[in-house]
Every structure is written in C-alpha cells, then in structure tokens.
C-alpha atoms as a PDB file:
ATOM      1  CA  UNK A   1      -5.150   8.318  -7.410  1.00  0.00           C
ATOM      2  CA  UNK A   2      -4.859   9.372 -11.107  1.00  0.00           C
ATOM      3  CA  UNK A   3      -8.726   9.398 -11.687  1.00  0.00           C
ATOM      4  CA  UNK A   4     -10.284  12.601 -12.841  1.00  0.00           C
ATOM      5  CA  UNK A   5     -13.147  11.727 -10.485  1.00  0.00           C
ATOM      6  CA  UNK A   6     -13.309  11.426  -6.662  1.00  0.00           C
ATOM      7  CA  UNK A   7     -12.996   7.761  -5.690  1.00  0.00           C
ATOM      8  CA  UNK A   8     -13.177   6.720  -2.047  1.00  0.00           C
ATOM      9  CA  UNK A   9     -11.021   3.407  -2.465  1.00  0.00           C
ATOM     10  CA  UNK A  10     -10.559   0.744   0.233  1.00  0.00           C
ATOM     11  CA  UNK A  11      -8.261  -2.062  -0.294  1.00  0.00           C
ATOM     12  CA  UNK A  12      -9.195  -5.250   1.306  1.00  0.00           C
ATOM     13  CA  UNK A  13      -6.853  -7.996   2.112  1.00  0.00           C
ATOM     14  CA  UNK A  14      -6.929 -11.423   3.966  1.00  0.00           C
ATOM     15  CA  UNK A  15      -3.715 -10.611   6.072  1.00  0.00           C
ATOM     16  CA  UNK A  16      -2.541  -7.746   8.126  1.00  0.00           C
ATOM     17  CA  UNK A  17      -0.535  -5.254   5.996  1.00  0.00           C
ATOM     18  CA  UNK A  18       1.686  -2.554   7.449  1.00  0.00           C
ATOM     19  CA  UNK A  19       2.458  -0.505   4.257  1.00  0.00           C
ATOM     20  CA  UNK A  20       2.015   3.363   4.136  1.00  0.00           C
ATOM     21  CA  UNK A  21      -0.897   4.280   1.846  1.00  0.00           C
ATOM     22  CA  UNK A  22      -1.830   7.697   0.546  1.00  0.00           C
ATOM     23  CA  UNK A  23      -5.239   8.081  -1.168  1.00  0.00           C
ATOM     24  CA  UNK A  24      -6.971   4.956  -0.065  1.00  0.00           C
ATOM     25  CA  UNK A  25      -7.779   2.951   2.970  1.00  0.00           C
ATOM     26  CA  UNK A  26      -6.794  -0.527   3.861  1.00  0.00           C
ATOM     27  CA  UNK A  27      -8.883  -3.084   5.760  1.00  0.00           C
ATOM     28  CA  UNK A  28      -8.680  -6.780   6.533  1.00  0.00           C
ATOM     29  CA  UNK A  29     -11.154  -9.613   5.988  1.00  0.00           C
ATOM     30  CA  UNK A  30     -11.216 -13.208   7.005  1.00  0.00           C
ATOM     31  CA  UNK A  31     -11.349 -15.839   4.646  1.00  0.00           C
ATOM     32  CA  UNK A  32     -13.446 -18.173   7.005  1.00  0.00           C
ATOM     33  CA  UNK A  33     -15.884 -15.449   7.702  1.00  0.00           C
ATOM     34  CA  UNK A  34     -17.811 -14.004   4.666  1.00  0.00           C
ATOM     35  CA  UNK A  35     -19.484 -11.465   6.858  1.00  0.00           C
ATOM     36  CA  UNK A  36     -16.164  -9.674   7.387  1.00  0.00           C
ATOM     37  CA  UNK A  37     -16.096  -8.949   3.726  1.00  0.00           C
ATOM     38  CA  UNK A  38     -19.704  -8.536   3.106  1.00  0.00           C
ATOM     39  CA  UNK A  39     -20.094  -5.326   5.306  1.00  0.00           C
ATOM     40  CA  UNK A  40     -17.609  -3.532   3.065  1.00  0.00           C
ATOM     41  CA  UNK A  41     -19.060  -4.790  -0.111  1.00  0.00           C
ATOM     42  CA  UNK A  42     -22.592  -3.699   0.742  1.00  0.00           C
ATOM     43  CA  UNK A  43     -21.218  -0.235   1.249  1.00  0.00           C
ATOM     44  CA  UNK A  44     -19.537  -0.141  -2.229  1.00  0.00           C
ATOM     45  CA  UNK A  45     -20.729   1.025  -5.639  1.00  0.00           C
ATOM     46  CA  UNK A  46     -17.930  -0.784  -7.488  1.00  0.00           C
ATOM     47  CA  UNK A  47     -15.877  -3.941  -6.563  1.00  0.00           C
ATOM     48  CA  UNK A  48     -12.718  -5.038  -8.232  1.00  0.00           C
ATOM     49  CA  UNK A  49     -12.078  -8.880  -7.985  1.00  0.00           C
ATOM     50  CA  UNK A  50      -9.569 -11.415  -9.196  1.00  0.00           C
ATOM     51  CA  UNK A  51      -8.433 -15.066  -8.737  1.00  0.00           C
ATOM     52  CA  UNK A  52     -10.363 -17.553  -6.608  1.00  0.00           C
ATOM     53  CA  UNK A  53     -12.309 -14.705  -4.533  1.00  0.00           C
ATOM     54  CA  UNK A  54     -15.685 -15.914  -6.011  1.00  0.00           C
ATOM     55  CA  UNK A  55     -14.954 -19.405  -4.966  1.00  0.00           C
ATOM     56  CA  UNK A  56     -14.510 -18.422  -1.357  1.00  0.00           C
ATOM     57  CA  UNK A  57     -17.168 -15.651  -1.394  1.00  0.00           C
ATOM     58  CA  UNK A  58     -20.024 -16.762  -3.900  1.00  0.00           C
ATOM     59  CA  UNK A  59     -22.469 -14.069  -2.326  1.00  0.00           C
ATOM     60  CA  UNK A  60     -20.497 -11.577  -4.368  1.00  0.00           C
ATOM     61  CA  UNK A  61     -22.432 -12.732  -7.462  1.00  0.00           C
ATOM     62  CA  UNK A  62     -25.506 -10.925  -6.121  1.00  0.00           C
ATOM     63  CA  UNK A  63     -23.720  -7.677  -5.805  1.00  0.00           C
ATOM     64  CA  UNK A  64     -25.940  -4.806  -6.937  1.00  0.00           C
ATOM     65  CA  UNK A  65     -23.153  -2.499  -8.191  1.00  0.00           C
ATOM     66  CA  UNK A  66     -20.726  -2.907 -10.913  1.00  0.00           C
ATOM     67  CA  UNK A  67     -18.128  -5.765 -10.881  1.00  0.00           C
ATOM     68  CA  UNK A  68     -14.646  -5.207 -12.505  1.00  0.00           C
ATOM     69  CA  UNK A  69     -12.780  -8.446 -12.934  1.00  0.00           C
ATOM     70  CA  UNK A  70      -8.938  -8.376 -12.969  1.00  0.00           C
ATOM     71  CA  UNK A  71      -7.697 -11.095 -15.542  1.00  0.00           C
ATOM     72  CA  UNK A  72      -4.060 -10.035 -15.084  1.00  0.00           C
ATOM     73  CA  UNK A  73      -3.175 -13.637 -14.021  1.00  0.00           C
ATOM     74  CA  UNK A  74      -4.399 -16.375 -16.233  1.00  0.00           C
ATOM     75  CA  UNK A  75      -4.221 -18.885 -13.304  1.00  0.00           C
ATOM     76  CA  UNK A  76      -5.988 -21.659 -15.221  1.00  0.00           C
ATOM     77  CA  UNK A  77      -2.815 -21.848 -17.635  1.00  0.00           C
ATOM     78  CA  UNK A  78      -0.461 -21.088 -14.629  1.00  0.00           C
ATOM     79  CA  UNK A  79      -1.619 -24.203 -12.742  1.00  0.00           C
ATOM     80  CA  UNK A  80      -0.931 -26.396 -15.747  1.00  0.00           C
ATOM     81  CA  UNK A  81       2.731 -26.052 -14.934  1.00  0.00           C
ATOM     82  CA  UNK A  82       2.518 -25.369 -11.206  1.00  0.00           C
ATOM     83  CA  UNK A  83       0.804 -28.745 -10.447  1.00  0.00           C
ATOM     84  CA  UNK A  84       2.570 -30.615 -13.226  1.00  0.00           C
ATOM     85  CA  UNK A  85       4.077 -33.085 -10.725  1.00  0.00           C
ATOM     86  CA  UNK A  86       0.784 -33.915  -9.114  1.00  0.00           C
ATOM     87  CA  UNK A  87      -1.242 -37.177  -9.917  1.00  0.00           C
ATOM     88  CA  UNK A  88      -3.434 -36.624 -13.115  1.00  0.00           C
ATOM     89  CA  UNK A  89      -6.636 -37.034 -11.032  1.00  0.00           C
ATOM     90  CA  UNK A  90      -5.752 -33.957  -8.859  1.00  0.00           C
ATOM     91  CA  UNK A  91      -4.426 -31.975 -11.739  1.00  0.00           C
ATOM     92  CA  UNK A  92      -7.868 -32.645 -13.674  1.00  0.00           C
ATOM     93  CA  UNK A  93      -9.834 -31.499 -10.460  1.00  0.00           C
ATOM     94  CA  UNK A  94      -7.736 -28.364 -10.091  1.00  0.00           C
ATOM     95  CA  UNK A  95      -8.106 -27.635 -13.834  1.00  0.00           C
ATOM     96  CA  UNK A  96     -11.950 -28.097 -13.818  1.00  0.00           C
ATOM     97  CA  UNK A  97     -12.233 -25.964 -10.666  1.00  0.00           C
ATOM     98  CA  UNK A  98     -10.216 -23.125 -12.213  1.00  0.00           C
ATOM     99  CA  UNK A  99     -12.155 -23.213 -15.404  1.00  0.00           C
ATOM    100  CA  UNK A 100     -15.568 -22.968 -13.426  1.00  0.00           C
ATOM    101  CA  UNK A 101     -14.324 -20.045 -11.444  1.00  0.00           C
ATOM    102  CA  UNK A 102     -13.215 -18.208 -14.730  1.00  0.00           C
ATOM    103  CA  UNK A 103     -16.475 -19.004 -16.371  1.00  0.00           C
ATOM    104  CA  UNK A 104     -18.247 -17.459 -13.323  1.00  0.00           C
ATOM    105  CA  UNK A 105     -16.193 -14.325 -13.594  1.00  0.00           C
ATOM    106  CA  UNK A 106     -16.801 -13.921 -17.363  1.00  0.00           C
ATOM    107  CA  UNK A 107     -20.336 -14.392 -16.873  1.00  0.00           C
ATOM    108  CA  UNK A 108     -21.058 -11.756 -13.920  1.00  0.00           C
ATOM    109  CA  UNK A 109     -18.260  -9.238 -14.812  1.00  0.00           C
ATOM    110  CA  UNK A 110     -19.420  -5.894 -16.013  1.00  0.00           C
ATOM    111  CA  UNK A 111     -15.914  -4.794 -17.136  1.00  0.00           C
ATOM    112  CA  UNK A 112     -12.582  -6.680 -17.462  1.00  0.00           C
ATOM    113  CA  UNK A 113      -8.955  -5.573 -17.224  1.00  0.00           C
ATOM    114  CA  UNK A 114      -5.864  -7.540 -18.423  1.00  0.00           C
ATOM    115  CA  UNK A 115      -2.157  -6.994 -18.797  1.00  0.00           C
ATOM    116  CA  UNK A 116      -1.374  -6.934 -22.481  1.00  0.00           C
ATOM    117  CA  UNK A 117      -2.766  -6.910 -26.054  1.00  0.00           C
ATOM    118  CA  UNK A 118      -1.940 -10.509 -26.312  1.00  0.00           C
ATOM    119  CA  UNK A 119      -3.686 -11.368 -23.079  1.00  0.00           C
ATOM    120  CA  UNK A 120      -6.713  -9.399 -24.376  1.00  0.00           C
ATOM    121  CA  UNK A 121      -6.926 -11.410 -27.501  1.00  0.00           C
ATOM    122  CA  UNK A 122      -6.911 -14.682 -25.377  1.00  0.00           C
ATOM    123  CA  UNK A 123      -9.629 -13.230 -23.045  1.00  0.00           C
ATOM    124  CA  UNK A 124     -11.650 -11.975 -25.934  1.00  0.00           C
ATOM    125  CA  UNK A 125     -11.902 -15.569 -27.112  1.00  0.00           C
ATOM    126  CA  UNK A 126     -13.122 -16.670 -23.790  1.00  0.00           C
ATOM    127  CA  UNK A 127     -15.707 -14.071 -23.447  1.00  0.00           C
ATOM    128  CA  UNK A 128     -16.981 -14.694 -27.001  1.00  0.00           C
ATOM    129  CA  UNK A 129     -17.359 -18.546 -25.982  1.00  0.00           C
ATOM    130  CA  UNK A 130     -19.416 -17.282 -22.889  1.00  0.00           C
ATOM    131  CA  UNK A 131     -21.837 -15.439 -25.002  1.00  0.00           C
ATOM    132  CA  UNK A 132     -20.468 -11.936 -23.722  1.00  0.00           C
ATOM    133  CA  UNK A 133     -19.702 -10.949 -27.208  1.00  0.00           C
ATOM    134  CA  UNK A 134     -22.990 -10.572 -29.065  1.00  0.00           C
ATOM    135  CA  UNK A 135     -24.953  -8.115 -31.271  1.00  0.00           C
ATOM    136  CA  UNK A 136     -25.711  -6.023 -28.281  1.00  0.00           C
ATOM    137  CA  UNK A 137     -22.144  -5.607 -27.101  1.00  0.00           C
ATOM    138  CA  UNK A 138     -20.845  -5.208 -30.446  1.00  0.00           C
ATOM    139  CA  UNK A 139     -23.378  -2.382 -31.421  1.00  0.00           C
ATOM    140  CA  UNK A 140     -22.468  -0.635 -28.314  1.00  0.00           C
ATOM    141  CA  UNK A 141     -18.694  -0.742 -29.183  1.00  0.00           C
ATOM    142  CA  UNK A 142     -17.029  -2.611 -31.937  1.00  0.00           C
ATOM    143  CA  UNK A 143     -13.652  -2.264 -30.524  1.00  0.00           C
ATOM    144  CA  UNK A 144     -14.860  -4.221 -27.331  1.00  0.00           C
ATOM    145  CA  UNK A 145     -12.805  -1.561 -25.274  1.00  0.00           C
ATOM    146  CA  UNK A 146     -16.007  -0.866 -23.193  1.00  0.00           C
ATOM    147  CA  UNK A 147     -15.895  -4.608 -22.224  1.00  0.00           C
ATOM    148  CA  UNK A 148     -12.259  -5.463 -21.761  1.00  0.00           C
ATOM    149  CA  UNK A 149      -9.210  -3.309 -21.865  1.00  0.00           C
ATOM    150  CA  UNK A 150      -5.531  -3.234 -20.633  1.00  0.00           C
ATOM    151  CA  UNK A 151      -4.303  -1.925 -17.344  1.00  0.00           C
ATOM    152  CA  UNK A 152      -0.376  -2.450 -17.312  1.00  0.00           C
ATOM    153  CA  UNK A 153       1.526  -2.477 -14.139  1.00  0.00           C
ATOM    154  CA  UNK A 154       2.101   1.032 -12.822  1.00  0.00           C
ATOM    155  CA  UNK A 155       5.383   2.860 -12.041  1.00  0.00           C
ATOM    156  CA  UNK A 156       5.722   5.378  -9.329  1.00  0.00           C
ATOM    157  CA  UNK A 157       5.662   9.021 -10.505  1.00  0.00           C
ATOM    158  CA  UNK A 158       8.856   9.818  -8.611  1.00  0.00           C
ATOM    159  CA  UNK A 159      12.265   8.887 -10.500  1.00  0.00           C
ATOM    160  CA  UNK A 160      14.294   5.962  -8.837  1.00  0.00           C
ATOM    161  CA  UNK A 161      17.214   6.857  -6.632  1.00  0.00           C
ATOM    162  CA  UNK A 162      20.607   4.865  -7.013  1.00  0.00           C
ATOM    163  CA  UNK A 163      21.705   3.434  -3.821  1.00  0.00           C
ATOM    164  CA  UNK A 164      24.140   0.663  -2.808  1.00  0.00           C
ATOM    165  CA  UNK A 165      22.982   0.374   0.735  1.00  0.00           C
ATOM    166  CA  UNK A 166      20.422  -2.131   0.248  1.00  0.00           C
ATOM    167  CA  UNK A 167      22.756  -4.446  -1.759  1.00  0.00           C
ATOM    168  CA  UNK A 168      25.393  -4.067   0.723  1.00  0.00           C
ATOM    169  CA  UNK A 169      23.081  -5.198   3.584  1.00  0.00           C
ATOM    170  CA  UNK A 170      21.561  -8.320   1.982  1.00  0.00           C
ATOM    171  CA  UNK A 171      24.617  -9.331  -0.352  1.00  0.00           C
ATOM    172  CA  UNK A 172      27.812  -7.903   1.338  1.00  0.00           C
ATOM    173  CA  UNK A 173      30.055  -9.943  -1.088  1.00  0.00           C
ATOM    174  CA  UNK A 174      29.058  -7.870  -4.030  1.00  0.00           C
ATOM    175  CA  UNK A 175      31.975  -5.587  -5.008  1.00  0.00           C
ATOM    176  CA  UNK A 176      31.609  -2.152  -6.538  1.00  0.00           C
ATOM    177  CA  UNK A 177      33.431  -3.253  -9.869  1.00  0.00           C
ATOM    178  CA  UNK A 178      31.312  -6.443 -10.151  1.00  0.00           C
ATOM    179  CA  UNK A 179      28.950  -6.753 -13.179  1.00  0.00           C
ATOM    180  CA  UNK A 180      25.451  -7.700 -11.961  1.00  0.00           C
ATOM    181  CA  UNK A 181      22.987  -9.771 -13.898  1.00  0.00           C
ATOM    182  CA  UNK A 182      19.557  -9.430 -12.223  1.00  0.00           C
ATOM    183  CA  UNK A 183      16.785 -12.066 -12.600  1.00  0.00           C
ATOM    184  CA  UNK A 184      14.010  -9.709 -12.052  1.00  0.00           C
ATOM    185  CA  UNK A 185      11.386 -11.655 -10.272  1.00  0.00           C
ATOM    186  CA  UNK A 186      10.675 -15.172  -8.525  1.00  0.00           C
ATOM    187  CA  UNK A 187      11.736 -18.511  -9.561  1.00  0.00           C
ATOM    188  CA  UNK A 188       8.605 -20.178 -10.954  1.00  0.00           C
ATOM    189  CA  UNK A 189       8.326 -23.768 -12.265  1.00  0.00           C
ATOM    190  CA  UNK A 190       7.617 -22.446 -15.836  1.00  0.00           C
ATOM    191  CA  UNK A 191      10.914 -20.445 -15.921  1.00  0.00           C
ATOM    192  CA  UNK A 192      14.391 -21.868 -16.687  1.00  0.00           C
ATOM    193  CA  UNK A 193      16.965 -20.537 -14.127  1.00  0.00           C
ATOM    194  CA  UNK A 194      19.025 -23.801 -14.777  1.00  0.00           C
ATOM    195  CA  UNK A 195      20.304 -22.491 -18.147  1.00  0.00           C
ATOM    196  CA  UNK A 196      21.454 -19.128 -16.754  1.00  0.00           C
ATOM    197  CA  UNK A 197      23.424 -20.892 -13.770  1.00  0.00           C
ATOM    198  CA  UNK A 198      25.124 -23.362 -16.225  1.00  0.00           C
ATOM    199  CA  UNK A 199      26.004 -20.354 -18.603  1.00  0.00           C
ATOM    200  CA  UNK A 200      27.388 -18.505 -15.440  1.00  0.00           C
ATOM    201  CA  UNK A 201      29.489 -21.377 -14.571  1.00  0.00           C
ATOM    202  CA  UNK A 202      31.085 -21.300 -18.025  1.00  0.00           C
ATOM    203  CA  UNK A 203      31.698 -17.675 -17.701  1.00  0.00           C
ATOM    204  CA  UNK A 204      33.404 -18.187 -14.286  1.00  0.00           C
ATOM    205  CA  UNK A 205      36.029 -20.247 -15.843  1.00  0.00           C
ATOM    206  CA  UNK A 206      37.537 -17.110 -17.414  1.00  0.00           C
ATOM    207  CA  UNK A 207      36.328 -14.298 -15.088  1.00  0.00           C
ATOM    208  CA  UNK A 208      34.938 -14.053 -11.438  1.00  0.00           C
ATOM    209  CA  UNK A 209      33.478 -10.526 -11.515  1.00  0.00           C
ATOM    210  CA  UNK A 210      30.085 -11.487 -13.168  1.00  0.00           C
ATOM    211  CA  UNK A 211      27.205 -12.001 -10.356  1.00  0.00           C
ATOM    212  CA  UNK A 212      23.837 -13.268 -10.899  1.00  0.00           C
ATOM    213  CA  UNK A 213      21.179 -12.243  -8.392  1.00  0.00           C
ATOM    214  CA  UNK A 214      17.686 -13.708  -8.086  1.00  0.00           C
ATOM    215  CA  UNK A 215      15.488 -10.871  -6.954  1.00  0.00           C
ATOM    216  CA  UNK A 216      13.228 -12.940  -4.698  1.00  0.00           C
ATOM    217  CA  UNK A 217      12.750 -16.759  -4.249  1.00  0.00           C
ATOM    218  CA  UNK A 218      10.391 -16.870  -1.033  1.00  0.00           C
ATOM    219  CA  UNK A 219       7.063 -15.311  -1.944  1.00  0.00           C
ATOM    220  CA  UNK A 220       5.373 -13.607   0.976  1.00  0.00           C
ATOM    221  CA  UNK A 221       2.171 -15.490   0.556  1.00  0.00           C
ATOM    222  CA  UNK A 222       2.494 -18.537   2.788  1.00  0.00           C
ATOM    223  CA  UNK A 223      -0.112 -20.431   0.738  1.00  0.00           C
ATOM    224  CA  UNK A 224       2.071 -20.565  -2.344  1.00  0.00           C
ATOM    225  CA  UNK A 225       4.101 -23.787  -2.506  1.00  0.00           C
ATOM    226  CA  UNK A 226       7.794 -23.979  -2.848  1.00  0.00           C
ATOM    227  CA  UNK A 227       8.684 -24.027  -6.477  1.00  0.00           C
ATOM    228  CA  UNK A 228      10.516 -27.206  -7.533  1.00  0.00           C
ATOM    229  CA  UNK A 229      12.555 -25.227 -10.028  1.00  0.00           C
ATOM    230  CA  UNK A 230      13.743 -23.008  -7.415  1.00  0.00           C
ATOM    231  CA  UNK A 231      14.956 -25.915  -5.382  1.00  0.00           C
ATOM    232  CA  UNK A 232      16.795 -27.314  -8.307  1.00  0.00           C
ATOM    233  CA  UNK A 233      18.379 -23.874  -9.087  1.00  0.00           C
ATOM    234  CA  UNK A 234      19.788 -23.611  -5.583  1.00  0.00           C
ATOM    235  CA  UNK A 235      20.918 -27.192  -5.630  1.00  0.00           C
ATOM    236  CA  UNK A 236      22.795 -26.718  -9.026  1.00  0.00           C
ATOM    237  CA  UNK A 237      24.503 -23.625  -7.760  1.00  0.00           C
ATOM    238  CA  UNK A 238      25.838 -25.430  -4.918  1.00  0.00           C
ATOM    239  CA  UNK A 239      27.141 -28.318  -6.919  1.00  0.00           C
ATOM    240  CA  UNK A 240      28.960 -25.877  -9.276  1.00  0.00           C
ATOM    241  CA  UNK A 241      30.271 -24.003  -6.299  1.00  0.00           C
ATOM    242  CA  UNK A 242      28.798 -20.876  -7.456  1.00  0.00           C
ATOM    243  CA  UNK A 243      26.269 -20.426  -4.317  1.00  0.00           C
ATOM    244  CA  UNK A 244      27.136 -17.295  -2.366  1.00  0.00           C
ATOM    245  CA  UNK A 245      30.200 -16.541  -4.635  1.00  0.00           C
ATOM    246  CA  UNK A 246      28.551 -15.758  -8.157  1.00  0.00           C
ATOM    247  CA  UNK A 247      24.991 -16.706  -7.698  1.00  0.00           C
ATOM    248  CA  UNK A 248      22.911 -15.169  -4.813  1.00  0.00           C
ATOM    249  CA  UNK A 249      19.380 -15.978  -3.967  1.00  0.00           C
ATOM    250  CA  UNK A 250      17.709 -12.988  -2.259  1.00  0.00           C
ATOM    251  CA  UNK A 251      14.541 -14.211  -0.349  1.00  0.00           C
ATOM    252  CA  UNK A 252      12.233 -11.190  -1.085  1.00  0.00           C
ATOM    253  CA  UNK A 253      12.846  -7.784  -2.258  1.00  0.00           C
ATOM    254  CA  UNK A 254      10.782  -5.257  -0.487  1.00  0.00           C
ATOM    255  CA  UNK A 255       8.749  -2.976  -2.945  1.00  0.00           C
ATOM    256  CA  UNK A 256      10.510   0.161  -1.887  1.00  0.00           C
ATOM    257  CA  UNK A 257      14.000  -1.596  -2.211  1.00  0.00           C
ATOM    258  CA  UNK A 258      13.579  -3.104  -5.628  1.00  0.00           C
ATOM    259  CA  UNK A 259      14.844   0.167  -7.333  1.00  0.00           C
ATOM    260  CA  UNK A 260      18.352  -0.222  -5.613  1.00  0.00           C
ATOM    261  CA  UNK A 261      18.712  -3.603  -7.356  1.00  0.00           C
ATOM    262  CA  UNK A 262      17.498  -2.468 -10.603  1.00  0.00           C
ATOM    263  CA  UNK A 263      19.641   0.772 -10.790  1.00  0.00           C
ATOM    264  CA  UNK A 264      22.705  -1.151  -9.791  1.00  0.00           C
ATOM    265  CA  UNK A 265      22.329  -4.142 -12.347  1.00  0.00           C
ATOM    266  CA  UNK A 266      24.148  -4.147 -15.658  1.00  0.00           C
ATOM    267  CA  UNK A 267      21.920  -6.790 -17.264  1.00  0.00           C
END
C-alpha cells in the first residue's frame, strides 16, 4: 500500500479468512493440494514466503520470478524451546528438518527480510555459511542491504482510539480505578509468566487494585500445541487465588481490539 509503484498483491492463506482488506486480494489454498497454490504462483512476478512453506510445496524452488524470504521468525531456535520436553530422537529430527528448510530458503532466495539489526547479524552469518556472501554480492553492495534488510512490524496510519468497551465485555471485573499491567502477547514456553504472577501475589497482600491481563493465550492457529508454560501460569494463579480476581487470561485479542487494551493499560 505504501509502495511508490503499483503492486497487484494477493495474500494466500491455508484457511478461510473473513477480514476486511483494502489494497490487496485474499485467496485460500489447500495444504494437501499443491495445484491450489501453483495456479496463483504461476501468475506472479514475485512471491514472498516464510516458515515451512517450501517443505510443503517444494515446486516453489522452480519459480521463475523473484523470491523474497521472510526470516522474521527464526523457527529453528524457537523449536529448541518449544519441543524441549519431547524425547531427544524427536528433537533431533525436528532440528535437522528445520535446518534443512532454512538452508533451502537461504539458497534459493533472491532477497531476505528480517525484524531487527540483531536478527540481521544472525542471518548474515547464516547466509555467509551458505555461500551467499561472496565477491559478487560484496562488490554489488558492500552493505549487503540489497541482499537482506529489515522490515519491522507496521502500525496503522490512524491513531488509536481510547475505549473501555472491549475490556468491559471480556473482563467485566476490571474497575475504572484499577491499575492494569498488560502482558502484551501470548504465553510461550520461552517466556516467564510465573515470576510475574508470584510478584503480583506479593503486591496483593497490601493492595487489591493491581490487575495483570494476559493479552492472548489461545492462538487461532489450531496446529500450534498448547504451551506448557501457559498451563503452569493458569494453575499457579488458581493456587494463589488470583485467577479471575487479579490475574486474567484473555483467550485471544482480535487485531482491531488490541488498541483498547494497550490504551487502557498503565504498565
């Protein structure tokens, strides 16, 4: 939408979506039917891919146009923690599979995007190991920005609007004078909600107006497993008699409703 050039953009998803879109089209493909994706790809000049898409659709390696690879999520590192409780044989299998997918992406991609300078340093090391940083690429652009650059998460151009309606609907026990601490995201196994809940329990011994809200604990992707750390956090909040009183677990915050929580929060 912000490009100075005209781009006819189509967003392809494996599930039906009902979001309102402006400036681009949305279409659905089926994971078990590569032709449902192939017909869209064949009519494209550029494709942007990420994650395990090459694993499910290896025909993409033969794409004649330009391939942009989104490296926002280093899933090879993420899975080390996500599957920490699995048996070692399974963990090794997952790790090898993830590395093979990444090597494949780093080999065929024409351009790469990531989330931060620190990530970029990491990926430059990977690209170097894969032979993508060489005399040709260096002479073309010694900064390597033509090979990999940063695309941070965007924000809407319209300012957020303060509203208590969403909070009243999902957490009616929140009072106007309460101080809200917002956990701005999901509860993943590599995060530490336990310390936050224990700290809040200490606070509630002297005051009851501090409320901790977890923004979303149930990811809309049905393929993602339930996080062990999330289960532990809910269990602890019940044991400390904080659940539904000072600690609140919201299932998932719709994209358009997140501003209500962010604007209302104090911390």
